[in-house]
Amino acid sequence: MKIKITGIGSYIPEKKVSNTDFSNHVFLNEDGTPFGRPNDVIINKFKGITGIEHRRYAKTDQNSSDLAYLASKKAIENAGIDPETIDYIIFAHNFGDVKCGTSQSDMLPSLATRVKNKLQIKNPKCVAYDILFGCPGWIEGVLQANAYIKSGMAKRCLVIGSETLSRVVDDHDRDSMIYSDGAGASIIEASDDDETGLISYESGTYAMDEANYLFFGKSYNTDLDPDTRYIKMHGRKIYEFALTTVPAAMKSCLDKSGIAIDDVKKILIHQANEKMDEAIIQRFYKLYDRPVPQDIMPMSIHELGNSSVATVPTLFDLLIRGEIKDQQINKGDILLFASVGAGMNVNAFVYRY
């Protein structure tokens, strides 16, 4: 028995924020001193590294659980199922619901419970809970669904990744331009079809020095309340970590599957940073002494930015619907999903579409 993704859906917020919208921001160094370069220079360098031109922000009356609900509705409709038959709702996020204009996270009740309520699922045996696993949260949710189904504890799961990162950024930190909002959701089910579905996986947590590569820290603006915290990261350390661990995890996962590297048709990787993702793919193929195939890595980061747990399911949804230029997948294609993020956590799975 394999598990399959039988339904997929995403919600991309309507509000588009362009790089030029940051032209009047006051970017500061960590110690609060002026950054010392014109904003157009900062923005152009940022685009050259990340590939990001635009990102999406949720409307002021929307929270992360609202985006998740909208993506989940699409996934349920795509699967053609009765939501009352869902055994588990697994909601991956990192910051809960953060209302616009506030900095406090709201996770009571859980966001999974809120989605269950919005879907009006009455069945009490549909268990709803959240997971905090950094950007790899949606992939980890899929792996948990796989475990539930294979153990006989479930037949059908709803796995969600949603975030409103625009609510937890420090406007004076250049890294604030990376983050965006969005949601992706999927229906995971048992399948007797041996030809398609999840084939192998890999997952791990690196929690020594790596544990604090992503963290909550004070604003670079020393005039602001030092007890108000924002998402911060040690970018260079994350880059070096990712280039070492992610290709190795991908190789381990692929080797477990018994699938040849040349049979992989697409790699769906967390949309963190274009240059980093390209370097990860190059190192991955170097482990097999193979050149990187053309169009192996679909990307959505240019228009959608980095929405953390939402990037991978959203990318998969866009790819299936033919909404990524010059990219398509066909029945039977081998896909390799991979992600890296706060923890530091790394995971991957091989999937036959």
Protein backbone atom coordinates (compact mmCIF):
# COMPACT_ATOMS: atom_id res chain seq x y z
CA MET A 1 0.00 0.00 0.00
CA LYS A 2 1.20 3.49 -0.89
CA ILE A 3 -0.13 6.90 0.02
CA LYS A 4 -1.16 9.36 -2.65
CA ILE A 5 -1.86 13.06 -2.83
CA THR A 6 -5.39 12.87 -4.20
CA GLY A 7 -6.23 16.54 -3.84
CA ILE A 8 -4.20 19.74 -3.88
CA GLY A 9 -5.11 23.39 -3.45
CA SER A 10 -3.49 26.71 -2.66
CA TYR A 11 -4.49 30.22 -1.75
CA ILE A 12 -2.35 33.06 -3.07
CA PRO A 13 -3.29 36.41 -1.48
CA GLU A 14 -4.41 39.14 -3.85
CA LYS A 15 -2.18 41.93 -2.53
CA LYS A 16 1.00 42.06 -4.62
CA VAL A 17 3.99 43.86 -3.11
CA SER A 18 6.79 44.75 -5.52
CA ASN A 19 10.45 45.39 -4.75
CA THR A 20 9.92 49.05 -5.57
CA ASP A 21 7.47 49.26 -2.65
CA PHE A 22 10.50 49.04 -0.36
CA SER A 23 12.15 52.12 -1.88
CA ASN A 24 11.28 54.34 1.06
CA HIS A 25 12.04 51.85 3.83
CA VAL A 26 14.70 52.78 6.36
CA PHE A 27 17.05 49.79 6.40
CA LEU A 28 19.44 49.60 9.34
CA ASN A 29 22.37 47.52 10.50
CA GLU A 30 21.92 45.17 13.44
CA ASP A 31 23.26 47.82 15.82
CA GLY A 32 20.74 50.39 14.60
CA THR A 33 23.14 52.45 12.48
CA PRO A 34 22.16 53.47 8.91
CA PHE A 35 22.89 50.76 6.37
CA GLY A 36 24.87 53.20 4.27
CA ARG A 37 23.70 52.29 0.78
CA PRO A 38 20.86 53.68 -1.33
CA ASN A 39 17.73 51.56 -1.29
CA ASP A 40 17.84 50.97 -5.04
CA VAL A 41 21.26 49.35 -4.62
CA ILE A 42 20.01 47.24 -1.69
CA ILE A 43 16.93 46.13 -3.64
CA ASN A 44 18.83 45.27 -6.83
CA LYS A 45 21.35 43.18 -4.90
CA PHE A 46 18.50 41.50 -3.05
CA LYS A 47 16.78 40.54 -6.30
CA GLY A 48 20.04 39.23 -7.77
CA ILE A 49 20.49 36.86 -4.82
CA THR A 50 16.94 35.76 -4.07
CA GLY A 51 15.29 36.09 -7.47
CA ILE A 52 12.31 37.77 -5.79
CA GLU A 53 10.54 40.53 -7.71
CA HIS A 54 7.15 40.37 -5.99
CA ARG A 55 5.59 38.79 -2.93
CA ARG A 56 1.99 38.46 -1.69
CA TYR A 57 0.48 39.76 1.54
CA ALA A 58 -2.82 38.74 3.10
CA LYS A 59 -5.65 41.25 3.38
CA THR A 60 -5.88 43.02 6.72
CA ASP A 61 -8.94 40.99 7.75
CA GLN A 62 -7.33 37.64 6.93
CA ASN A 63 -5.28 35.46 9.27
CA SER A 64 -3.20 32.38 8.52
CA SER A 65 -6.08 30.05 9.43
CA ASP A 66 -8.31 31.91 6.94
CA LEU A 67 -5.80 31.35 4.12
CA ALA A 68 -5.52 27.71 5.18
CA TYR A 69 -9.28 27.25 5.08
CA LEU A 70 -9.47 28.64 1.54
CA ALA A 71 -6.64 26.36 0.35
CA SER A 72 -8.21 23.37 2.13
CA LYS A 73 -11.57 23.92 0.44
CA LYS A 74 -9.81 23.76 -2.92
CA ALA A 75 -7.92 20.58 -1.98
CA ILE A 76 -11.11 18.88 -0.78
CA GLU A 77 -12.94 19.87 -3.97
CA ASN A 78 -9.99 18.70 -6.07
CA ALA A 79 -10.05 15.31 -4.33
CA GLY A 80 -13.83 15.07 -4.62
CA ILE A 81 -14.25 13.83 -1.06
CA ASP A 82 -16.67 14.37 1.80
CA PRO A 83 -14.76 16.37 4.46
CA GLU A 84 -16.53 14.35 7.17
CA THR A 85 -14.38 11.37 6.09
CA ILE A 86 -11.09 13.12 6.97
CA ASP A 87 -9.36 11.35 9.87
CA TYR A 88 -6.64 13.90 10.63
CA ILE A 89 -6.08 17.58 9.94
CA ILE A 90 -2.37 18.33 10.25
CA PHE A 91 -1.64 22.07 10.08
CA ALA A 92 1.99 23.16 9.66
CA HIS A 93 2.82 26.75 10.58
CA ASN A 94 5.30 28.61 12.77
CA PHE A 95 3.66 31.75 14.11
CA GLY A 96 -0.04 31.01 14.49
CA ASP A 97 -2.63 33.64 13.67
CA VAL A 98 -1.13 37.12 13.93
CA LYS A 99 -3.72 39.83 13.40
CA CYS A 100 -2.71 42.71 11.16
CA GLY A 101 -1.20 45.55 13.18
CA THR A 102 -0.31 43.36 16.14
CA SER A 103 2.70 41.29 17.10
CA GLN A 104 1.05 38.70 19.33
CA SER A 105 0.62 35.14 18.09
CA ASP A 106 -2.74 33.46 18.65
CA MET A 107 -2.72 29.65 18.73
CA LEU A 108 -5.60 28.91 21.08
CA PRO A 109 -7.47 27.00 19.84
CA SER A 110 -5.06 25.38 17.42
CA LEU A 111 -5.14 26.58 13.83
CA ALA A 112 -6.07 23.06 12.73
CA THR A 113 -9.12 23.25 15.00
CA ARG A 114 -10.02 26.61 13.46
CA VAL A 115 -9.86 25.14 9.96
CA LYS A 116 -12.00 22.18 11.05
CA ASN A 117 -14.53 24.67 12.41
CA LYS A 118 -14.53 26.75 9.23
CA LEU A 119 -15.02 23.56 7.18
CA GLN A 120 -17.91 22.69 9.52
CA ILE A 121 -16.66 19.14 10.04
CA LYS A 122 -18.83 17.62 12.77
CA ASN A 123 -17.09 14.25 13.07
CA PRO A 124 -15.25 14.23 16.45
CA LYS A 125 -12.99 11.44 15.21
CA CYS A 126 -11.44 13.89 12.79
CA VAL A 127 -8.43 14.82 14.93
CA ALA A 128 -7.00 18.30 14.33
CA TYR A 129 -3.57 19.47 15.50
CA ASP A 130 -0.71 21.80 14.58
CA ILE A 131 2.95 21.12 13.96
CA LEU A 132 5.83 23.61 14.19
CA PHE A 133 8.66 22.34 12.03
CA GLY A 134 9.98 25.42 10.25
CA CYS A 135 9.67 25.72 6.49
CA PRO A 136 9.72 21.91 6.00
CA GLY A 137 6.44 21.64 7.95
CA TRP A 138 4.16 20.65 5.07
CA ILE A 139 6.51 17.88 3.95
CA GLU A 140 6.74 16.66 7.55
CA GLY A 141 2.95 16.69 7.73
CA VAL A 142 2.83 14.47 4.65
CA LEU A 143 5.27 12.07 6.31
CA GLN A 144 3.12 11.99 9.46
CA ALA A 145 0.05 11.29 7.33
CA ASN A 146 1.99 8.47 5.69
CA ALA A 147 2.74 6.98 9.12
CA TYR A 148 -0.90 7.25 10.27
CA ILE A 149 -2.22 5.62 7.13
CA LYS A 150 0.31 2.81 7.00
CA SER A 151 -0.24 2.02 10.69
CA GLY A 152 -3.99 1.75 10.12
CA MET A 153 -4.79 4.79 12.28
CA ALA A 154 -6.16 6.75 9.33
CA LYS A 155 -7.34 6.40 5.77
CA ARG A 156 -7.48 10.05 4.78
CA CYS A 157 -5.66 13.16 6.02
CA LEU A 158 -5.74 16.88 5.27
CA VAL A 159 -2.22 18.35 5.42
CA ILE A 160 -1.88 22.13 5.37
CA GLY A 161 0.95 24.64 5.27
CA SER A 162 0.03 28.28 5.87
CA GLU A 163 1.77 31.43 7.06
CA THR A 164 1.43 35.22 7.23
CA LEU A 165 5.09 36.12 7.55
CA SER A 166 4.40 39.74 6.62
CA ARG A 167 3.09 40.15 10.18
CA VAL A 168 6.31 39.07 11.93
CA VAL A 169 9.00 40.93 9.95
CA ASP A 170 11.18 43.84 11.06
CA ASP A 171 10.71 46.59 8.46
CA HIS A 172 14.24 47.83 9.16
CA ASP A 173 15.83 44.48 8.31
CA ARG A 174 16.64 43.86 4.63
CA ASP A 175 15.60 40.23 5.08
CA SER A 176 12.01 41.45 5.52
CA MET A 177 11.80 41.62 1.71
CA ILE A 178 12.11 37.83 1.47
CA TYR A 179 8.96 36.88 3.31
CA SER A 180 5.39 36.57 2.09
CA ASP A 181 2.00 35.09 2.92
CA GLY A 182 0.15 32.11 1.48
CA ALA A 183 -1.31 28.66 2.04
CA GLY A 184 -1.20 25.23 0.45
CA ALA A 185 -3.23 22.15 1.34
CA SER A 186 -3.41 18.53 0.29
CA ILE A 187 -5.54 15.44 0.77
CA ILE A 188 -3.45 12.36 1.52
CA GLU A 189 -5.03 8.92 1.14
CA ALA A 190 -4.20 5.24 1.08
CA SER A 191 -3.90 3.76 -2.41
CA ASP A 192 -3.73 0.24 -3.77
CA ASP A 193 -2.14 1.59 -6.95
CA ASP A 194 1.47 0.44 -6.72
CA GLU A 195 2.42 2.56 -9.74
CA THR A 196 1.96 5.96 -8.08
CA GLY A 197 2.41 7.58 -4.69
CA LEU A 198 5.07 8.17 -2.03
CA ILE A 199 8.05 5.86 -2.48
CA SER A 200 10.67 6.93 0.08
CA TYR A 201 11.45 9.73 2.51
CA GLU A 202 14.12 11.34 4.65
CA SER A 203 13.80 13.66 7.65
CA GLY A 204 16.08 15.06 10.32
CA THR A 205 16.66 17.79 12.91
CA TYR A 206 20.05 19.41 13.48
CA ALA A 207 19.85 21.11 16.88
CA MET A 208 23.36 21.95 18.03
CA ASP A 209 24.70 25.33 16.84
CA GLU A 210 22.17 25.11 14.00
CA ALA A 211 19.23 25.42 16.41
CA ASN A 212 19.53 29.22 16.48
CA TYR A 213 20.17 29.96 12.82
CA LEU A 214 16.57 31.21 12.65
CA PHE A 215 15.19 32.93 15.73
CA PHE A 216 13.01 35.68 17.15
CA GLY A 217 14.96 38.90 17.79
CA LYS A 218 14.44 42.59 18.45
CA SER A 219 14.10 45.24 15.74
CA TYR A 220 17.17 46.89 14.28
CA ASN A 221 15.47 50.17 15.15
CA THR A 222 16.69 50.82 18.70
CA ASP A 223 13.83 53.28 19.30
CA LEU A 224 11.28 50.45 19.17
CA ASP A 225 10.26 48.23 22.09
CA PRO A 226 13.11 45.69 22.57
CA ASP A 227 10.62 43.15 23.92
CA THR A 228 8.73 43.03 20.62
CA ARG A 229 10.30 40.26 18.55
CA TYR A 230 10.57 39.58 14.84
CA ILE A 231 11.78 36.76 12.63
CA LYS A 232 15.56 36.93 12.23
CA MET A 233 18.14 34.70 10.60
CA HIS A 234 21.86 34.14 10.16
CA GLY A 235 21.68 34.01 6.38
CA ARG A 236 25.25 32.96 5.61
CA LYS A 237 25.14 30.12 8.15
CA ILE A 238 21.81 28.89 6.77
CA TYR A 239 23.21 28.98 3.23
CA GLU A 240 26.28 26.95 4.19
CA PHE A 241 24.19 24.50 6.22
CA ALA A 242 21.70 23.99 3.40
CA LEU A 243 24.39 23.37 0.81
CA THR A 244 25.88 20.63 2.98
CA THR A 245 22.84 18.85 4.39
CA VAL A 246 20.04 19.19 1.83
CA PRO A 247 21.81 17.53 -1.15
CA ALA A 248 22.89 14.66 1.14
CA ALA A 249 19.32 14.19 2.43
CA MET A 250 17.97 14.24 -1.12
CA LYS A 251 20.52 11.63 -2.19
CA SER A 252 19.74 9.39 0.77
CA CYS A 253 16.04 9.66 -0.01
CA LEU A 254 16.48 8.93 -3.70
CA ASP A 255 18.84 6.01 -3.04
CA LYS A 256 16.27 4.45 -0.69
CA SER A 257 13.68 4.61 -3.46
CA GLY A 258 15.75 2.58 -5.92
CA ILE A 259 14.99 5.21 -8.57
CA ALA A 260 17.86 6.28 -10.83
CA ILE A 261 18.85 9.94 -10.75
CA ASP A 262 18.25 10.19 -14.50
CA ASP A 263 14.61 9.19 -13.98
CA VAL A 264 13.82 12.19 -11.76
CA LYS A 265 11.68 14.57 -13.80
CA LYS A 266 11.17 17.46 -11.39
CA ILE A 267 12.56 18.65 -8.06
CA LEU A 268 10.13 20.68 -5.96
CA ILE A 269 12.25 22.46 -3.39
CA HIS A 270 11.30 25.00 -0.74
CA GLN A 271 11.28 28.45 -2.33
CA ALA A 272 13.74 30.08 0.05
CA ASN A 273 16.26 31.82 -2.15
CA GLU A 274 16.88 31.29 -5.86
CA LYS A 275 20.67 31.26 -5.66
CA MET A 276 20.64 28.86 -2.71
CA ASP A 277 18.15 26.52 -4.37
CA GLU A 278 20.22 26.48 -7.57
CA ALA A 279 23.37 25.70 -5.58
CA ILE A 280 21.60 22.87 -3.72
CA ILE A 281 20.50 21.31 -7.00
CA GLN A 282 23.99 21.64 -8.48
CA ARG A 283 25.55 19.92 -5.46
CA PHE A 284 22.89 17.22 -5.52
CA TYR A 285 23.66 16.29 -9.13
CA LYS A 286 27.38 16.54 -8.46
CA LEU A 287 26.95 13.72 -5.91
CA TYR A 288 25.94 11.53 -8.87
CA ASP A 289 28.51 13.06 -11.22
CA ARG A 290 25.68 14.26 -13.46
CA PRO A 291 24.96 17.63 -15.06
CA VAL A 292 21.83 19.43 -13.91
CA PRO A 293 19.03 18.79 -16.44
CA GLN A 294 17.32 21.77 -17.97
CA ASP A 295 14.01 22.79 -16.34
CA ILE A 296 14.42 20.28 -13.50
CA MET A 297 13.51 22.85 -10.82
CA PRO A 298 10.21 24.75 -11.18
CA MET A 299 10.25 28.08 -9.33
CA SER A 300 7.54 30.37 -7.99
CA ILE A 301 9.67 32.58 -5.75
CA HIS A 302 10.05 35.32 -8.36
CA GLU A 303 6.38 36.26 -8.05
CA LEU A 304 5.34 34.82 -4.69
CA GLY A 305 8.37 35.24 -2.41
CA ASN A 306 9.06 32.90 0.51
CA SER A 307 5.87 31.87 2.32
CA SER A 308 7.64 29.23 4.45
CA VAL A 309 5.51 26.07 4.86
CA ALA A 310 3.24 27.13 1.98
CA THR A 311 5.86 27.24 -0.78
CA VAL A 312 6.10 23.53 -1.62
CA PRO A 313 2.37 22.64 -1.73
CA THR A 314 1.65 25.89 -3.60
CA LEU A 315 4.40 25.09 -6.11
CA PHE A 316 2.96 21.59 -6.62
CA ASP A 317 -0.53 23.01 -7.14
CA LEU A 318 0.69 25.57 -9.67
CA LEU A 319 2.71 22.92 -11.51
CA ILE A 320 -0.25 20.54 -11.77
CA ARG A 321 -2.47 23.33 -13.05
CA GLY A 322 0.06 24.35 -15.68
CA GLU A 323 0.57 27.81 -14.22
CA ILE A 324 4.37 27.78 -14.19
CA LYS A 325 5.84 28.89 -17.50
CA ASP A 326 7.62 26.19 -19.52
CA GLN A 327 6.98 23.57 -16.82
CA GLN A 328 4.70 20.54 -16.81
CA ILE A 329 4.41 17.09 -15.26
CA ASN A 330 2.91 13.93 -16.70
CA LYS A 331 1.42 10.77 -15.26
CA GLY A 332 4.16 8.50 -13.98
CA ASP A 333 6.77 11.25 -13.55
CA ILE A 334 9.18 10.89 -10.63
CA LEU A 335 9.18 13.96 -8.39
CA LEU A 336 11.59 14.75 -5.57
CA PHE A 337 10.27 17.09 -2.86
CA ALA A 338 12.72 18.73 -0.43
CA SER A 339 12.86 21.47 2.18
CA VAL A 340 15.05 23.08 4.81
CA GLY A 341 14.22 25.50 7.60
CA ALA A 342 14.17 26.47 11.27
CA GLY A 343 15.24 23.72 13.60
CA MET A 344 17.32 23.30 11.59
CA ASN A 345 15.09 20.74 9.91
CA VAL A 346 15.64 19.01 6.59
CA ASN A 347 13.34 16.57 4.81
CA ALA A 348 12.49 15.08 1.44
CA PHE A 349 10.35 12.49 -0.26
CA VAL A 350 10.29 10.75 -3.62
CA TYR A 351 6.88 10.59 -5.28
CA ARG A 352 5.60 9.02 -8.48
CA TYR A 353 2.89 11.26 -9.91
